Protein backbone atom coordinates (compact mmCIF):
# COMPACT_ATOMS: atom_id res chain seq x y z
CA UNK A 1 0.00 0.00 0.00
CA UNK A 2 0.91 3.61 -0.50
CA UNK A 3 -0.37 5.99 2.18
CA UNK A 4 -0.51 9.77 1.76
CA UNK A 5 -1.03 11.99 4.78
CA UNK A 6 -2.64 15.45 4.48
CA UNK A 7 -3.81 14.36 1.05
CA UNK A 8 -6.29 17.13 0.26
CA UNK A 9 -6.55 20.84 1.05
CA UNK A 10 -8.52 21.19 4.26
CA UNK A 11 -11.18 23.50 2.78
CA UNK A 12 -11.99 20.77 0.23
CA UNK A 13 -12.10 18.12 2.96
CA UNK A 14 -14.56 20.27 4.92
CA UNK A 15 -16.79 20.96 1.93
CA UNK A 16 -16.87 17.30 0.89
CA UNK A 17 -17.71 16.18 4.41
CA UNK A 18 -20.44 18.81 4.75
CA UNK A 19 -21.94 17.55 1.49
CA UNK A 20 -21.98 13.99 2.83
CA UNK A 21 -23.55 15.09 6.10
CA UNK A 22 -26.40 16.63 4.09
CA UNK A 23 -27.36 13.11 2.99
CA UNK A 24 -28.52 12.27 6.49
CA UNK A 25 -29.44 8.59 6.59
CA UNK A 26 -30.22 8.26 2.87
CA UNK A 27 -29.18 4.77 1.70
CA UNK A 28 -26.97 4.38 4.75
CA UNK A 29 -27.39 0.60 4.83
CA UNK A 30 -26.63 0.42 1.08
CA UNK A 31 -23.76 2.90 1.23
CA UNK A 32 -21.04 0.48 0.13
CA UNK A 33 -23.20 -0.75 -2.74
CA UNK A 34 -24.20 2.66 -4.15
CA UNK A 35 -21.46 3.46 -6.66
CA UNK A 36 -21.00 6.14 -9.29
CA UNK A 37 -18.89 6.63 -12.40
CA UNK A 38 -16.83 9.76 -13.13
CA UNK A 39 -15.33 9.75 -16.63
CA UNK A 40 -11.88 11.19 -17.21
CA UNK A 41 -12.07 14.90 -18.00
CA UNK A 42 -15.44 15.41 -16.30
CA UNK A 43 -16.48 18.63 -14.61
CA UNK A 44 -17.27 17.80 -10.95
CA UNK A 45 -20.94 18.11 -10.00
CA UNK A 46 -20.28 18.72 -6.27
CA UNK A 47 -17.55 18.81 -3.63
CA UNK A 48 -17.26 15.01 -3.35
CA UNK A 49 -16.46 14.73 -7.06
CA UNK A 50 -13.98 17.59 -6.65
CA UNK A 51 -12.29 15.41 -4.03
CA UNK A 52 -12.34 12.40 -6.37
CA UNK A 53 -10.55 14.40 -9.07
CA UNK A 54 -7.96 15.69 -6.59
CA UNK A 55 -7.32 12.17 -5.29
CA UNK A 56 -7.08 10.91 -8.88
CA UNK A 57 -4.02 13.11 -9.41
CA UNK A 58 -2.41 11.76 -6.24
CA UNK A 59 -3.08 8.15 -7.22
CA UNK A 60 -1.19 8.54 -10.47
CA UNK A 61 -4.00 7.01 -12.54
CA UNK A 62 -4.29 9.74 -15.16
CA UNK A 63 -4.53 7.32 -18.08
CA UNK A 64 -7.49 5.44 -16.67
CA UNK A 65 -10.84 5.79 -18.43
CA UNK A 66 -12.53 6.95 -15.26
CA UNK A 67 -13.08 6.58 -11.54
CA UNK A 68 -15.78 4.59 -9.76
CA UNK A 69 -16.52 6.13 -6.37
CA UNK A 70 -18.77 5.54 -3.40
CA UNK A 71 -19.20 6.65 0.19
CA UNK A 72 -18.17 4.14 2.82
CA UNK A 73 -20.43 4.95 5.77
CA UNK A 74 -20.66 2.41 8.57
CA UNK A 75 -20.34 1.94 12.32
CA UNK A 76 -17.39 -0.28 13.18
CA UNK A 77 -19.58 -2.32 15.51
CA UNK A 78 -21.53 -3.52 12.47
CA UNK A 79 -19.35 -3.62 9.32
CA UNK A 80 -21.58 -4.38 6.29
CA UNK A 81 -18.91 -5.80 3.95
CA UNK A 82 -16.74 -8.91 4.18
CA UNK A 83 -13.20 -9.25 2.85
CA UNK A 84 -13.53 -9.08 -0.93
CA UNK A 85 -11.97 -8.35 -4.31
CA UNK A 86 -13.07 -5.21 -6.13
CA UNK A 87 -14.44 -6.23 -9.51
CA UNK A 88 -16.92 -5.49 -12.28
CA UNK A 89 -19.83 -7.01 -10.37
CA UNK A 90 -22.35 -6.96 -13.22
CA UNK A 91 -19.94 -7.74 -16.04
CA UNK A 92 -19.82 -11.01 -17.91
CA UNK A 93 -16.12 -11.46 -17.29
CA UNK A 94 -14.22 -10.93 -14.08
CA UNK A 95 -12.40 -7.61 -14.24
CA UNK A 96 -10.65 -5.60 -11.57
CA UNK A 97 -9.79 -1.90 -11.35
CA UNK A 98 -6.23 -0.86 -12.01
CA UNK A 99 -6.06 0.77 -8.57
CA UNK A 100 -8.28 0.79 -5.49
CA UNK A 101 -8.11 3.50 -2.84
CA UNK A 102 -9.70 4.76 0.36
CA UNK A 103 -9.77 8.34 1.68
CA UNK A 104 -10.53 8.76 5.40
CA UNK A 105 -12.52 11.68 6.76
CA UNK A 106 -12.30 10.87 10.47
CA UNK A 107 -10.72 8.67 13.14
CA UNK A 108 -12.88 5.97 14.72
CA UNK A 109 -12.54 3.03 17.08
CA UNK A 110 -11.10 0.18 15.04
CA UNK A 111 -12.17 0.38 11.39
CA UNK A 112 -8.73 -0.21 9.90
CA UNK A 113 -8.47 -0.82 6.18
CA UNK A 114 -6.81 -4.24 5.83
CA UNK A 115 -5.17 -5.22 2.53
CA UNK A 116 -3.69 -8.65 1.86
CA UNK A 117 -1.34 -9.85 -0.86
CA UNK A 118 -3.86 -12.42 -2.06
CA UNK A 119 -4.93 -12.12 -5.71
CA UNK A 120 -7.83 -14.05 -7.31
CA UNK A 121 -5.51 -16.77 -8.63
CA UNK A 122 -3.94 -17.53 -5.24
CA UNK A 123 -5.38 -19.70 -2.47
CA UNK A 124 -4.22 -17.83 0.60
CA UNK A 125 -2.79 -14.55 1.78
CA UNK A 126 0.79 -14.48 3.04
CA UNK A 127 0.85 -10.86 4.13
CA UNK A 128 -1.57 -8.28 5.51
CA UNK A 129 -1.14 -4.53 5.99
CA UNK A 130 -3.52 -2.22 7.83
CA UNK A 131 -4.17 1.50 7.77
CA UNK A 132 -6.00 3.19 10.63
CA UNK A 133 -8.65 5.83 9.87
CA UNK A 134 -7.26 9.33 10.27
CA UNK A 135 -8.56 12.61 8.94
CA UNK A 136 -7.22 13.41 5.46
CA UNK A 137 -5.32 10.12 5.10
CA UNK A 138 -5.37 8.40 1.70
CA UNK A 139 -4.44 4.76 1.02
CA UNK A 140 -3.85 3.34 -2.49
CA UNK A 141 -3.30 -0.30 -3.49
CA UNK A 142 -3.48 -2.62 -6.49
CA UNK A 143 -7.04 -3.23 -7.63
CA UNK A 144 -6.85 -7.04 -7.61
CA UNK A 145 -5.95 -7.54 -3.93
CA UNK A 146 -8.21 -9.09 -1.30
CA UNK A 147 -9.10 -6.46 1.31
CA UNK A 148 -11.68 -5.46 3.90
CA UNK A 149 -12.50 -3.37 6.97
CA UNK A 150 -11.72 -4.46 10.52
CA UNK A 151 -14.33 -4.04 13.25
CA UNK A 152 -14.33 -1.92 16.41
CA UNK A 153 -11.94 -4.40 18.07
CA UNK A 154 -9.54 -4.36 15.13
CA UNK A 155 -10.57 -7.88 14.10
CA UNK A 156 -12.04 -9.47 11.00
CA UNK A 157 -15.78 -8.74 11.27
CA UNK A 158 -17.86 -11.87 11.86
CA UNK A 159 -20.83 -10.59 13.84
CA UNK A 160 -22.06 -7.40 15.42
CA UNK A 161 -19.88 -6.07 18.25
CA UNK A 162 -21.81 -5.41 21.46
CA UNK A 163 -21.63 -2.01 23.10
CA UNK A 164 -21.89 1.62 22.06
CA UNK A 165 -21.54 1.98 18.31
CA UNK A 166 -19.37 5.09 18.52
CA UNK A 167 -18.71 7.43 15.60
CA UNK A 168 -19.72 6.73 12.04
CA UNK A 169 -16.70 5.68 9.97
CA UNK A 170 -16.74 7.98 6.96
CA UNK A 171 -14.66 7.29 3.85
CA UNK A 172 -14.57 8.08 0.16
CA UNK A 173 -13.66 4.97 -1.83
CA UNK A 174 -12.29 5.47 -5.35
CA UNK A 175 -11.41 2.75 -7.86
CA UNK A 176 -9.64 3.65 -11.09
CA UNK A 177 -10.58 1.64 -14.18
CA UNK A 178 -9.14 1.19 -17.66
CA UNK A 179 -12.73 0.70 -18.85
CA UNK A 180 -16.06 1.64 -17.26
CA UNK A 181 -17.53 -1.13 -15.07
CA UNK A 182 -20.86 -2.51 -16.24
CA UNK A 183 -24.05 -0.59 -15.37
CA UNK A 184 -22.40 1.90 -12.99
CA UNK A 185 -24.18 5.26 -13.49
CA UNK A 186 -22.79 8.73 -13.10
CA UNK A 187 -24.08 10.68 -10.12
CA UNK A 188 -26.33 12.71 -12.43
CA UNK A 189 -27.74 9.57 -14.06
CA UNK A 190 -28.36 7.82 -10.75
CA UNK A 191 -31.02 10.10 -9.25
CA UNK A 192 -29.81 9.38 -5.68
CA UNK A 193 -27.74 11.34 -3.16
CA UNK A 194 -29.21 14.63 -4.43
CA UNK A 195 -28.10 16.19 -1.15
CA UNK A 196 -24.51 16.19 -2.38
CA UNK A 197 -25.53 19.01 -4.66
CA UNK A 198 -26.85 21.15 -1.84
CA UNK A 199 -30.20 19.86 -0.54
CA UNK A 200 -30.38 18.16 2.84
CA UNK A 201 -31.83 14.64 2.87
CA UNK A 202 -33.42 12.85 5.83
CA UNK A 203 -34.99 9.65 4.58
CA UNK A 204 -33.43 6.27 5.29
CA UNK A 205 -32.67 3.76 2.57
């Protein structure tokens, strides 16, 4: 993994986070599965896409066709995703992004990004690296590596952790692709997360 501290200008971090806060609880349970496409050369529609473009430069993925991004919003007492490979979920053939990356907005209890050296053709991981959530920290890794999020105890999530749920872990996940993944809409095409453009949302999803 490559980790960049103080990745973005703080005014941009604040504006992007304020935009996410405006979403309220909209699609909170589906957060990790609500993804958007940003083609190379696009004009950003809101502060989060401004952040995606700024992170794109840092990742060194300028030749990629575009970036797939989503908001990782979860409490570390109840992580909604298992260890996984990033891939073109709806495509006919298994494809992976060139690079995967995670930008952290805030520190939380546990919630480390854990990246292994296991690729789809291998049977087991021999190495694991973790990155703790810290404000304005950005982690980048190869797009075909098995990875996941650790729970509030810093362990592989298997079931809900008892106790106070603590702060919401807030991340911006960006994958850089040589070719657009199947059926991933742009933010404008999607019709969801309208609050990113300036209107506060309150409904759950």
